[in-house]
Amino acid sequence: MLLEGARTTGAVYLAGYAVECMLKALLLANVARGLRNKLLKEFHGRRAHDIEWLGNLCRRHVGVAVPLEISRHLARLATWSTDLRYHTGALRKQDADRFLASVRSVTTWADGRM
């Protein structure tokens, strides 16, 4: 809805946040209790919103290979930041469309592993 209403920045911000939450859920659903408790303690501050860091944790701890295509999408999504919530201008529609396509690919992949 946001994208259709030309609210590209809001669409990208919320979609990036959805990927952050999905990667955290994927991690927490697939690790042993001891590691889960350790990870939960690390999910605070700026780093906890870092898609690249979360993607690396998934690669290390989830126990399934991350396909090359998904790695490419994660690289695009790593540009996301919570600072977008303070951005007053609109992102280019083309950039938002590409970002959201990567979000769909990553969340579909992650959802199939939970």
PDB file of N, CA and C in Angstrom:
ATOM      1  N   MET A   1       0.824  -1.191   0.000  1.00  0.00           N
ATOM      2  CA  MET A   1       0.000   0.000   0.000  1.00  0.00           C
ATOM      3  C   MET A   1       0.865   1.250   0.000  1.00  0.00           C
ATOM      4  N   LEU A   2       1.921   1.233   0.809  1.00  0.00           N
ATOM      5  CA  LEU A   2       2.787   2.411   0.846  1.00  0.00           C
ATOM      6  C   LEU A   2       3.424   2.675  -0.507  1.00  0.00           C
ATOM      7  N   LEU A   3       3.904   1.619  -1.137  1.00  0.00           N
ATOM      8  CA  LEU A   3       4.544   1.783  -2.439  1.00  0.00           C
ATOM      9  C   LEU A   3       3.540   2.295  -3.468  1.00  0.00           C
ATOM     10  N   GLU A   4       2.347   1.738  -3.469  1.00  0.00           N
ATOM     11  CA  GLU A   4       1.305   2.190  -4.401  1.00  0.00           C
ATOM     12  C   GLU A   4       0.920   3.643  -4.154  1.00  0.00           C
ATOM     13  N   GLY A   5       1.057   4.107  -2.925  1.00  0.00           N
ATOM     14  CA  GLY A   5       0.752   5.492  -2.583  1.00  0.00           C
ATOM     15  C   GLY A   5       1.947   6.413  -2.702  1.00  0.00           C
ATOM     16  N   ALA A   6       2.990   5.956  -3.391  1.00  0.00           N
ATOM     17  CA  ALA A   6       4.214   6.745  -3.621  1.00  0.00           C
ATOM     18  C   ALA A   6       4.952   7.064  -2.315  1.00  0.00           C
ATOM     19  N   ARG A   7       4.743   6.271  -1.301  1.00  0.00           N
ATOM     20  CA  ARG A   7       5.459   6.409  -0.027  1.00  0.00           C
ATOM     21  C   ARG A   7       6.626   5.430  -0.022  1.00  0.00           C
ATOM     22  N   THR A   8       7.539   5.639  -0.947  1.00  0.00           N
ATOM     23  CA  THR A   8       8.623   4.681  -1.180  1.00  0.00           C
ATOM     24  C   THR A   8       9.542   4.524   0.022  1.00  0.00           C
ATOM     25  N   THR A   9       9.847   5.610   0.681  1.00  0.00           N
ATOM     26  CA  THR A   9      10.746   5.533   1.836  1.00  0.00           C
ATOM     27  C   THR A   9      10.108   4.714   2.957  1.00  0.00           C
ATOM     28  N   GLY A  10       8.854   4.960   3.232  1.00  0.00           N
ATOM     29  CA  GLY A  10       8.151   4.195   4.259  1.00  0.00           C
ATOM     30  C   GLY A  10       8.048   2.726   3.897  1.00  0.00           C
ATOM     31  N   ALA A  11       7.812   2.442   2.612  1.00  0.00           N
ATOM     32  CA  ALA A  11       7.716   1.050   2.162  1.00  0.00           C
ATOM     33  C   ALA A  11       9.042   0.329   2.367  1.00  0.00           C
ATOM     34  N   VAL A  12      10.136   0.981   2.002  1.00  0.00           N
ATOM     35  CA  VAL A  12      11.457   0.367   2.153  1.00  0.00           C
ATOM     36  C   VAL A  12      11.808   0.215   3.629  1.00  0.00           C
ATOM     37  N   TYR A  13      11.509   1.229   4.424  1.00  0.00           N
ATOM     38  CA  TYR A  13      11.807   1.146   5.851  1.00  0.00           C
ATOM     39  C   TYR A  13      11.095  -0.046   6.491  1.00  0.00           C
ATOM     40  N   LEU A  14       9.792  -0.163   6.287  1.00  0.00           N
ATOM     41  CA  LEU A  14       9.037  -1.247   6.909  1.00  0.00           C
ATOM     42  C   LEU A  14       9.409  -2.608   6.349  1.00  0.00           C
ATOM     43  N   ALA A  15       9.702  -2.675   5.062  1.00  0.00           N
ATOM     44  CA  ALA A  15      10.116  -3.950   4.460  1.00  0.00           C
ATOM     45  C   ALA A  15      11.462  -4.394   5.017  1.00  0.00           C
ATOM     46  N   GLY A  16      12.377  -3.452   5.199  1.00  0.00           N
ATOM     47  CA  GLY A  16      13.673  -3.790   5.790  1.00  0.00           C
ATOM     48  C   GLY A  16      13.524  -4.278   7.218  1.00  0.00           C
ATOM     49  N   TYR A  17      12.628  -3.649   7.947  1.00  0.00           N
ATOM     50  CA  TYR A  17      12.365  -4.068   9.322  1.00  0.00           C
ATOM     51  C   TYR A  17      11.785  -5.483   9.343  1.00  0.00           C
ATOM     52  N   ALA A  18      10.937  -5.801   8.356  1.00  0.00           N
ATOM     53  CA  ALA A  18      10.370  -7.149   8.261  1.00  0.00           C
ATOM     54  C   ALA A  18      11.470  -8.183   8.029  1.00  0.00           C
ATOM     55  N   VAL A  19      12.447  -7.857   7.189  1.00  0.00           N
ATOM     56  CA  VAL A  19      13.564  -8.776   6.949  1.00  0.00           C
ATOM     57  C   VAL A  19      14.370  -8.959   8.231  1.00  0.00           C
ATOM     58  N   GLU A  20      14.622  -7.867   8.934  1.00  0.00           N
ATOM     59  CA  GLU A  20      15.335  -7.968  10.222  1.00  0.00           C
ATOM     60  C   GLU A  20      14.623  -8.949  11.148  1.00  0.00           C
ATOM     61  N   CYS A  21      13.335  -8.798  11.295  1.00  0.00           N
ATOM     62  CA  CYS A  21      12.559  -9.675  12.184  1.00  0.00           C
ATOM     63  C   CYS A  21      12.544 -11.111  11.678  1.00  0.00           C
ATOM     64  N   MET A  22      12.439 -11.295  10.378  1.00  0.00           N
ATOM     65  CA  MET A  22      12.416 -12.641   9.800  1.00  0.00           C
ATOM     66  C   MET A  22      13.745 -13.351  10.038  1.00  0.00           C
ATOM     67  N   LEU A  23      14.862 -12.653   9.837  1.00  0.00           N
ATOM     68  CA  LEU A  23      16.172 -13.274  10.063  1.00  0.00           C
ATOM     69  C   LEU A  23      16.357 -13.631  11.540  1.00  0.00           C
ATOM     70  N   LYS A  24      15.911 -12.769  12.415  1.00  0.00           N
ATOM     71  CA  LYS A  24      15.998 -13.073  13.843  1.00  0.00           C
ATOM     72  C   LYS A  24      15.136 -14.292  14.185  1.00  0.00           C
ATOM     73  N   ALA A  25      13.947 -14.357  13.643  1.00  0.00           N
ATOM     74  CA  ALA A  25      13.071 -15.507  13.896  1.00  0.00           C
ATOM     75  C   ALA A  25      13.693 -16.790  13.348  1.00  0.00           C
ATOM     76  N   LEU A  26      14.279 -16.720  12.157  1.00  0.00           N
ATOM     77  CA  LEU A  26      14.935 -17.879  11.562  1.00  0.00           C
ATOM     78  C   LEU A  26      16.057 -18.374  12.463  1.00  0.00           C
ATOM     79  N   LEU A  27      16.849 -17.460  12.949  1.00  0.00           N
ATOM     80  CA  LEU A  27      17.931 -17.835  13.866  1.00  0.00           C
ATOM     81  C   LEU A  27      17.392 -18.490  15.127  1.00  0.00           C
ATOM     82  N   LEU A  28      16.458 -17.826  15.776  1.00  0.00           N
ATOM     83  CA  LEU A  28      15.967 -18.305  17.063  1.00  0.00           C
ATOM     84  C   LEU A  28      15.221 -19.632  16.940  1.00  0.00           C
ATOM     85  N   ALA A  29      14.609 -19.873  15.786  1.00  0.00           N
ATOM     86  CA  ALA A  29      13.877 -21.126  15.576  1.00  0.00           C
ATOM     87  C   ALA A  29      14.795 -22.306  15.278  1.00  0.00           C
ATOM     88  N   ASN A  30      16.047 -22.025  14.932  1.00  0.00           N
ATOM     89  CA  ASN A  30      16.922 -23.093  14.448  1.00  0.00           C
ATOM     90  C   ASN A  30      18.199 -23.302  15.245  1.00  0.00           C
ATOM     91  N   VAL A  31      18.320 -22.693  16.392  1.00  0.00           N
ATOM     92  CA  VAL A  31      19.529 -22.899  17.196  1.00  0.00           C
ATOM     93  C   VAL A  31      19.165 -23.519  18.541  1.00  0.00           C
ATOM     94  N   ALA A  32      20.156 -24.113  19.164  1.00  0.00           N
ATOM     95  CA  ALA A  32      19.957 -24.711  20.486  1.00  0.00           C
ATOM     96  C   ALA A  32      19.656 -23.630  21.524  1.00  0.00           C
ATOM     97  N   ARG A  33      19.020 -24.046  22.596  1.00  0.00           N
ATOM     98  CA  ARG A  33      18.590 -23.102  23.637  1.00  0.00           C
ATOM     99  C   ARG A  33      19.730 -22.231  24.158  1.00  0.00           C
ATOM    100  N   GLY A  34      20.885 -22.814  24.407  1.00  0.00           N
ATOM    101  CA  GLY A  34      22.020 -22.039  24.928  1.00  0.00           C
ATOM    102  C   GLY A  34      22.446 -20.937  23.986  1.00  0.00           C
ATOM    103  N   LEU A  35      22.526 -21.265  22.700  1.00  0.00           N
ATOM    104  CA  LEU A  35      22.893 -20.252  21.708  1.00  0.00           C
ATOM    105  C   LEU A  35      21.765 -19.245  21.539  1.00  0.00           C
ATOM    106  N   ARG A  36      20.524 -19.701  21.618  1.00  0.00           N
ATOM    107  CA  ARG A  36      19.381 -18.792  21.517  1.00  0.00           C
ATOM    108  C   ARG A  36      19.451 -17.724  22.604  1.00  0.00           C
ATOM    109  N   ASN A  37      19.744 -18.142  23.831  1.00  0.00           N
ATOM    110  CA  ASN A  37      19.839 -17.171  24.925  1.00  0.00           C
ATOM    111  C   ASN A  37      20.986 -16.191  24.690  1.00  0.00           C
ATOM    112  N   LYS A  38      22.115 -16.693  24.169  1.00  0.00           N
ATOM    113  CA  LYS A  38      23.256 -15.813  23.868  1.00  0.00           C
ATOM    114  C   LYS A  38      22.882 -14.810  22.775  1.00  0.00           C
ATOM    115  N   LEU A  39      22.222 -15.289  21.722  1.00  0.00           N
ATOM    116  CA  LEU A  39      21.833 -14.405  20.629  1.00  0.00           C
ATOM    117  C   LEU A  39      20.843 -13.336  21.102  1.00  0.00           C
ATOM    118  N   LEU A  40      19.891 -13.744  21.925  1.00  0.00           N
ATOM    119  CA  LEU A  40      18.914 -12.774  22.430  1.00  0.00           C
ATOM    120  C   LEU A  40      19.595 -11.630  23.163  1.00  0.00           C
ATOM    121  N   LYS A  41      20.675 -11.933  23.869  1.00  0.00           N
ATOM    122  CA  LYS A  41      21.420 -10.888  24.578  1.00  0.00           C
ATOM    123  C   LYS A  41      22.155  -9.957  23.615  1.00  0.00           C
ATOM    124  N   GLU A  42      22.442 -10.458  22.412  1.00  0.00           N
ATOM    125  CA  GLU A  42      23.135  -9.641  21.413  1.00  0.00           C
ATOM    126  C   GLU A  42      22.172  -8.825  20.558  1.00  0.00           C
ATOM    127  N   PHE A  43      20.879  -9.089  20.645  1.00  0.00           N
ATOM    128  CA  PHE A  43      19.896  -8.387  19.837  1.00  0.00           C
ATOM    129  C   PHE A  43      19.508  -7.053  20.468  1.00  0.00           C
ATOM    130  N   HIS A  44      20.455  -6.177  20.605  1.00  0.00           N
ATOM    131  CA  HIS A  44      20.174  -4.823  21.081  1.00  0.00           C
ATOM    132  C   HIS A  44      21.182  -3.871  20.462  1.00  0.00           C
ATOM    133  N   GLY A  45      20.838  -2.614  20.475  1.00  0.00           N
ATOM    134  CA  GLY A  45      21.725  -1.606  19.908  1.00  0.00           C
ATOM    135  C   GLY A  45      21.701  -1.619  18.386  1.00  0.00           C
ATOM    136  N   ARG A  46      22.568  -0.833  17.823  1.00  0.00           N
ATOM    137  CA  ARG A  46      22.622  -0.644  16.371  1.00  0.00           C
ATOM    138  C   ARG A  46      22.870  -1.953  15.610  1.00  0.00           C
ATOM    139  N   ARG A  47      23.749  -2.782  16.143  1.00  0.00           N
ATOM    140  CA  ARG A  47      24.107  -4.022  15.455  1.00  0.00           C
ATOM    141  C   ARG A  47      22.899  -4.953  15.291  1.00  0.00           C
ATOM    142  N   ALA A  48      21.979  -4.898  16.196  1.00  0.00           N
ATOM    143  CA  ALA A  48      20.810  -5.770  16.135  1.00  0.00           C
ATOM    144  C   ALA A  48      19.920  -5.480  14.922  1.00  0.00           C
ATOM    145  N   HIS A  49      20.124  -4.319  14.286  1.00  0.00           N
ATOM    146  CA  HIS A  49      19.356  -3.947  13.097  1.00  0.00           C
ATOM    147  C   HIS A  49      20.153  -4.160  11.813  1.00  0.00           C
ATOM    148  N   ASP A  50      21.351  -4.689  11.946  1.00  0.00           N
ATOM    149  CA  ASP A  50      22.267  -4.836  10.808  1.00  0.00           C
ATOM    150  C   ASP A  50      21.948  -6.117  10.035  1.00  0.00           C
ATOM    151  N   ILE A  51      21.363  -5.961   8.860  1.00  0.00           N
ATOM    152  CA  ILE A  51      20.945  -7.117   8.052  1.00  0.00           C
ATOM    153  C   ILE A  51      22.150  -7.965   7.655  1.00  0.00           C
ATOM    154  N   GLU A  52      23.263  -7.326   7.355  1.00  0.00           N
ATOM    155  CA  GLU A  52      24.458  -8.089   6.981  1.00  0.00           C
ATOM    156  C   GLU A  52      24.918  -8.967   8.146  1.00  0.00           C
ATOM    157  N   TRP A  53      24.956  -8.423   9.341  1.00  0.00           N
ATOM    158  CA  TRP A  53      25.346  -9.175  10.533  1.00  0.00           C
ATOM    159  C   TRP A  53      24.375 -10.336  10.777  1.00  0.00           C
ATOM    160  N   LEU A  54      23.075 -10.063  10.657  1.00  0.00           N
ATOM    161  CA  LEU A  54      22.072 -11.107  10.859  1.00  0.00           C
ATOM    162  C   LEU A  54      22.194 -12.198   9.795  1.00  0.00           C
ATOM    163  N   GLY A  55      22.434 -11.791   8.557  1.00  0.00           N
ATOM    164  CA  GLY A  55      22.630 -12.772   7.497  1.00  0.00           C
ATOM    165  C   GLY A  55      23.836 -13.658   7.759  1.00  0.00           C
ATOM    166  N   ASN A  56      24.915 -13.059   8.244  1.00  0.00           N
ATOM    167  CA  ASN A  56      26.107 -13.837   8.586  1.00  0.00           C
ATOM    168  C   ASN A  56      25.825 -14.817   9.725  1.00  0.00           C
ATOM    169  N   LEU A  57      25.052 -14.386  10.715  1.00  0.00           N
ATOM    170  CA  LEU A  57      24.676 -15.288  11.806  1.00  0.00           C
ATOM    171  C   LEU A  57      23.863 -16.469  11.269  1.00  0.00           C
ATOM    172  N   CYS A  58      22.964 -16.201  10.330  1.00  0.00           N
ATOM    173  CA  CYS A  58      22.173 -17.291   9.734  1.00  0.00           C
ATOM    174  C   CYS A  58      23.087 -18.261   8.994  1.00  0.00           C
ATOM    175  N   ARG A  59      24.025 -17.726   8.230  1.00  0.00           N
ATOM    176  CA  ARG A  59      24.949 -18.595   7.502  1.00  0.00           C
ATOM    177  C   ARG A  59      25.715 -19.496   8.462  1.00  0.00           C
ATOM    178  N   ARG A  60      26.098 -18.943   9.593  1.00  0.00           N
ATOM    179  CA  ARG A  60      26.910 -19.683  10.561  1.00  0.00           C
ATOM    180  C   ARG A  60      26.111 -20.672  11.387  1.00  0.00           C
ATOM    181  N   HIS A  61      24.908 -20.310  11.771  1.00  0.00           N
ATOM    182  CA  HIS A  61      24.216 -21.081  12.810  1.00  0.00           C
ATOM    183  C   HIS A  61      22.961 -21.837  12.378  1.00  0.00           C
ATOM    184  N   VAL A  62      22.389 -21.526  11.249  1.00  0.00           N
ATOM    185  CA  VAL A  62      21.113 -22.150  10.905  1.00  0.00           C
ATOM    186  C   VAL A  62      21.294 -23.561  10.372  1.00  0.00           C
ATOM    187  N   GLY A  63      22.431 -23.858   9.794  1.00  0.00           N
ATOM    188  CA  GLY A  63      22.689 -25.225   9.365  1.00  0.00           C
ATOM    189  C   GLY A  63      22.257 -25.537   7.948  1.00  0.00           C
ATOM    190  N   VAL A  64      21.857 -24.530   7.194  1.00  0.00           N
ATOM    191  CA  VAL A  64      21.572 -24.719   5.776  1.00  0.00           C
ATOM    192  C   VAL A  64      22.367 -23.689   4.994  1.00  0.00           C
ATOM    193  N   ALA A  65      22.786 -24.083   3.819  1.00  0.00           N
ATOM    194  CA  ALA A  65      23.527 -23.157   2.967  1.00  0.00           C
ATOM    195  C   ALA A  65      22.588 -22.057   2.477  1.00  0.00           C
ATOM    196  N   VAL A  66      23.111 -20.866   2.410  1.00  0.00           N
ATOM    197  CA  VAL A  66      22.355 -19.756   1.848  1.00  0.00           C
ATOM    198  C   VAL A  66      22.653 -19.728   0.353  1.00  0.00           C
ATOM    199  N   PRO A  67      21.649 -19.942  -0.489  1.00  0.00           N
ATOM    200  CA  PRO A  67      21.893 -19.952  -1.931  1.00  0.00           C
ATOM    201  C   PRO A  67      22.496 -18.631  -2.408  1.00  0.00           C
ATOM    202  N   LEU A  68      23.261 -18.701  -3.474  1.00  0.00           N
ATOM    203  CA  LEU A  68      23.923 -17.520  -4.022  1.00  0.00           C
ATOM    204  C   LEU A  68      22.920 -16.408  -4.329  1.00  0.00           C
ATOM    205  N   GLU A  69      21.785 -16.774  -4.895  1.00  0.00           N
ATOM    206  CA  GLU A  69      20.772 -15.762  -5.215  1.00  0.00           C
ATOM    207  C   GLU A  69      20.299 -15.037  -3.952  1.00  0.00           C
ATOM    208  N   ILE A  70      20.102 -15.775  -2.877  1.00  0.00           N
ATOM    209  CA  ILE A  70      19.666 -15.156  -1.622  1.00  0.00           C
ATOM    210  C   ILE A  70      20.793 -14.299  -1.047  1.00  0.00           C
ATOM    211  N   SER A  71      22.019 -14.745  -1.171  1.00  0.00           N
ATOM    212  CA  SER A  71      23.158 -13.938  -0.717  1.00  0.00           C
ATOM    213  C   SER A  71      23.201 -12.604  -1.455  1.00  0.00           C
ATOM    214  N   ARG A  72      22.908 -12.639  -2.739  1.00  0.00           N
ATOM    215  CA  ARG A  72      22.880 -11.387  -3.523  1.00  0.00           C
ATOM    216  C   ARG A  72      21.768 -10.458  -3.036  1.00  0.00           C
ATOM    217  N   HIS A  73      20.618 -11.042  -2.743  1.00  0.00           N
ATOM    218  CA  HIS A  73      19.513 -10.225  -2.212  1.00  0.00           C
ATOM    219  C   HIS A  73      19.882  -9.662  -0.840  1.00  0.00           C
ATOM    220  N   LEU A  74      20.502 -10.472  -0.006  1.00  0.00           N
ATOM    221  CA  LEU A  74      20.922  -9.983   1.311  1.00  0.00           C
ATOM    222  C   LEU A  74      21.916  -8.839   1.183  1.00  0.00           C
ATOM    223  N   ALA A  75      22.796  -8.909   0.188  1.00  0.00           N
ATOM    224  CA  ALA A  75      23.756  -7.818  -0.034  1.00  0.00           C
ATOM    225  C   ALA A  75      23.022  -6.523  -0.381  1.00  0.00           C
ATOM    226  N   ARG A  76      21.980  -6.617  -1.196  1.00  0.00           N
ATOM    227  CA  ARG A  76      21.188  -5.417  -1.516  1.00  0.00           C
ATOM    228  C   ARG A  76      20.487  -4.904  -0.258  1.00  0.00           C
ATOM    229  N   LEU A  77      19.947  -5.824   0.533  1.00  0.00           N
ATOM    230  CA  LEU A  77      19.206  -5.423   1.734  1.00  0.00           C
ATOM    231  C   LEU A  77      20.115  -4.876   2.824  1.00  0.00           C
ATOM    232  N   ALA A  78      21.409  -5.185   2.752  1.00  0.00           N
ATOM    233  CA  ALA A  78      22.361  -4.692   3.759  1.00  0.00           C
ATOM    234  C   ALA A  78      22.498  -3.177   3.711  1.00  0.00           C
ATOM    235  N   THR A  79      21.987  -2.551   2.661  1.00  0.00           N
ATOM    236  CA  THR A  79      22.031  -1.081   2.584  1.00  0.00           C
ATOM    237  C   THR A  79      20.973  -0.446   3.479  1.00  0.00           C
ATOM    238  N   TRP A  80      20.039  -1.261   3.964  1.00  0.00           N
ATOM    239  CA  TRP A  80      18.931  -0.757   4.779  1.00  0.00           C
ATOM    240  C   TRP A  80      19.433  -0.282   6.143  1.00  0.00           C
ATOM    241  N   SER A  81      18.783   0.730   6.659  1.00  0.00           N
ATOM    242  CA  SER A  81      19.129   1.260   7.973  1.00  0.00           C
ATOM    243  C   SER A  81      17.865   1.803   8.644  1.00  0.00           C
ATOM    244  N   THR A  82      17.870   1.721   9.950  1.00  0.00           N
ATOM    245  CA  THR A  82      16.740   2.301  10.688  1.00  0.00           C
ATOM    246  C   THR A  82      16.726   3.822  10.552  1.00  0.00           C
ATOM    247  N   ASP A  83      17.809   4.398  10.056  1.00  0.00           N
ATOM    248  CA  ASP A  83      17.849   5.849   9.835  1.00  0.00           C
ATOM    249  C   ASP A  83      16.835   6.294   8.786  1.00  0.00           C
ATOM    250  N   LEU A  84      16.337   5.364   7.978  1.00  0.00           N
ATOM    251  CA  LEU A  84      15.320   5.711   6.977  1.00  0.00           C
ATOM    252  C   LEU A  84      14.073   6.312   7.619  1.00  0.00           C
ATOM    253  N   ARG A  85      13.820   5.965   8.853  1.00  0.00           N
ATOM    254  CA  ARG A  85      12.607   6.510   9.506  1.00  0.00           C
ATOM    255  C   ARG A  85      12.688   8.015   9.672  1.00  0.00           C
ATOM    256  N   TYR A  86      13.895   8.581   9.552  1.00  0.00           N
ATOM    257  CA  TYR A  86      14.066  10.029   9.670  1.00  0.00           C
ATOM    258  C   TYR A  86      14.225  10.706   8.317  1.00  0.00           C
ATOM    259  N   HIS A  87      14.241   9.933   7.237  1.00  0.00           N
ATOM    260  CA  HIS A  87      14.435  10.450   5.891  1.00  0.00           C
ATOM    261  C   HIS A  87      13.132  11.084   5.414  1.00  0.00           C
ATOM    262  N   THR A  88      13.189  12.347   5.043  1.00  0.00           N
ATOM    263  CA  THR A  88      11.966  13.051   4.674  1.00  0.00           C
ATOM    264  C   THR A  88      11.624  12.951   3.193  1.00  0.00           C
ATOM    265  N   GLY A  89      12.594  12.686   2.360  1.00  0.00           N
ATOM    266  CA  GLY A  89      12.331  12.601   0.928  1.00  0.00           C
ATOM    267  C   GLY A  89      11.862  11.220   0.522  1.00  0.00           C
ATOM    268  N   ALA A  90      11.435  11.126  -0.721  1.00  0.00           N
ATOM    269  CA  ALA A  90      11.000   9.843  -1.273  1.00  0.00           C
ATOM    270  C   ALA A  90      12.165   9.190  -2.005  1.00  0.00           C
ATOM    271  N   LEU A  91      12.310   7.904  -1.810  1.00  0.00           N
ATOM    272  CA  LEU A  91      13.297   7.145  -2.574  1.00  0.00           C
ATOM    273  C   LEU A  91      12.785   6.975  -3.997  1.00  0.00           C
ATOM    274  N   ARG A  92      13.689   6.758  -4.917  1.00  0.00           N
ATOM    275  CA  ARG A  92      13.269   6.523  -6.298  1.00  0.00           C
ATOM    276  C   ARG A  92      12.452   5.238  -6.361  1.00  0.00           C
ATOM    277  N   LYS A  93      11.369   5.275  -7.110  1.00  0.00           N
ATOM    278  CA  LYS A  93      10.470   4.110  -7.229  1.00  0.00           C
ATOM    279  C   LYS A  93      11.227   2.887  -7.718  1.00  0.00           C
ATOM    280  N   GLN A  94      12.100   3.060  -8.671  1.00  0.00           N
ATOM    281  CA  GLN A  94      12.879   1.946  -9.217  1.00  0.00           C
ATOM    282  C   GLN A  94      13.732   1.293  -8.121  1.00  0.00           C
ATOM    283  N   ASP A  95      14.355   2.108  -7.272  1.00  0.00           N
ATOM    284  CA  ASP A  95      15.165   1.569  -6.179  1.00  0.00           C
ATOM    285  C   ASP A  95      14.297   0.845  -5.163  1.00  0.00           C
ATOM    286  N   ALA A  96      13.156   1.429  -4.854  1.00  0.00           N
ATOM    287  CA  ALA A  96      12.232   0.799  -3.904  1.00  0.00           C
ATOM    288  C   ALA A  96      11.714  -0.527  -4.456  1.00  0.00           C
ATOM    289  N   ASP A  97      11.389  -0.560  -5.744  1.00  0.00           N
ATOM    290  CA  ASP A  97      10.910  -1.803  -6.362  1.00  0.00           C
ATOM    291  C   ASP A  97      11.959  -2.904  -6.265  1.00  0.00           C
ATOM    292  N   ARG A  98      13.212  -2.564  -6.551  1.00  0.00           N
ATOM    293  CA  ARG A  98      14.298  -3.557  -6.460  1.00  0.00           C
ATOM    294  C   ARG A  98      14.470  -4.042  -5.021  1.00  0.00           C
ATOM    295  N   PHE A  99      14.436  -3.117  -4.091  1.00  0.00           N
ATOM    296  CA  PHE A  99      14.587  -3.472  -2.680  1.00  0.00           C
ATOM    297  C   PHE A  99      13.469  -4.424  -2.257  1.00  0.00           C
ATOM    298  N   LEU A 100      12.245  -4.091  -2.606  1.00  0.00           N
ATOM    299  CA  LEU A 100      11.105  -4.917  -2.206  1.00  0.00           C
ATOM    300  C   LEU A 100      11.123  -6.281  -2.890  1.00  0.00           C
ATOM    301  N   ALA A 101      11.646  -6.361  -4.100  1.00  0.00           N
ATOM    302  CA  ALA A 101      11.790  -7.664  -4.752  1.00  0.00           C
ATOM    303  C   ALA A 101      12.765  -8.534  -3.969  1.00  0.00           C
ATOM    304  N   SER A 102      13.841  -7.928  -3.476  1.00  0.00           N
ATOM    305  CA  SER A 102      14.801  -8.671  -2.656  1.00  0.00           C
ATOM    306  C   SER A 102      14.180  -9.085  -1.331  1.00  0.00           C
ATOM    307  N   VAL A 103      13.379  -8.214  -0.758  1.00  0.00           N
ATOM    308  CA  VAL A 103      12.680  -8.546   0.490  1.00  0.00           C
ATOM    309  C   VAL A 103      11.797  -9.768   0.279  1.00  0.00           C
ATOM    310  N   ARG A 104      11.041  -9.793  -0.802  1.00  0.00           N
ATOM    311  CA  ARG A 104      10.161 -10.933  -1.077  1.00  0.00           C
ATOM    312  C   ARG A 104      10.971 -12.224  -1.216  1.00  0.00           C
ATOM    313  N   SER A 105      12.086 -12.159  -1.929  1.00  0.00           N
ATOM    314  CA  SER A 105      12.909 -13.353  -2.120  1.00  0.00           C
ATOM    315  C   SER A 105      13.473 -13.864  -0.798  1.00  0.00           C
ATOM    316  N   VAL A 106      14.007 -12.974   0.004  1.00  0.00           N
ATOM    317  CA  VAL A 106      14.632 -13.379   1.272  1.00  0.00           C
ATOM    318  C   VAL A 106      13.587 -13.887   2.263  1.00  0.00           C
ATOM    319  N   THR A 107      12.465 -13.196   2.368  1.00  0.00           N
ATOM    320  CA  THR A 107      11.464 -13.639   3.342  1.00  0.00           C
ATOM    321  C   THR A 107      10.825 -14.961   2.921  1.00  0.00           C
ATOM    322  N   THR A 108      10.641 -15.178   1.635  1.00  0.00           N
ATOM    323  CA  THR A 108      10.117 -16.458   1.157  1.00  0.00           C
ATOM    324  C   THR A 108      11.103 -17.574   1.472  1.00  0.00           C
ATOM    325  N   TRP A 109      12.385 -17.331   1.203  1.00  0.00           N
ATOM    326  CA  TRP A 109      13.417 -18.320   1.496  1.00  0.00           C
ATOM    327  C   TRP A 109      13.455 -18.618   2.998  1.00  0.00           C
ATOM    328  N   ALA A 110      13.492 -17.581   3.824  1.00  0.00           N
ATOM    329  CA  ALA A 110      13.570 -17.762   5.276  1.00  0.00           C
ATOM    330  C   ALA A 110      12.338 -18.462   5.825  1.00  0.00           C
ATOM    331  N   ASP A 111      11.176 -18.096   5.334  1.00  0.00           N
ATOM    332  CA  ASP A 111       9.937 -18.697   5.810  1.00  0.00           C
ATOM    333  C   ASP A 111       9.923 -20.205   5.552  1.00  0.00           C
ATOM    334  N   GLY A 112      10.527 -20.634   4.477  1.00  0.00           N
ATOM    335  CA  GLY A 112      10.578 -22.054   4.166  1.00  0.00           C
ATOM    336  C   GLY A 112      11.543 -22.841   5.042  1.00  0.00           C
ATOM    337  N   ARG A 113      12.293 -22.164   5.894  1.00  0.00           N
ATOM    338  CA  ARG A 113      13.259 -22.818   6.773  1.00  0.00           C
ATOM    339  C   ARG A 113      12.878 -22.762   8.247  1.00  0.00           C
ATOM    340  N   MET A 114      11.694 -22.274   8.545  1.00  0.00           N
ATOM    341  CA  MET A 114      11.267 -22.197   9.947  1.00  0.00           C
ATOM    342  C   MET A 114      10.306 -23.306  10.275  1.00  0.00           C
TER     343      MET A 114
END
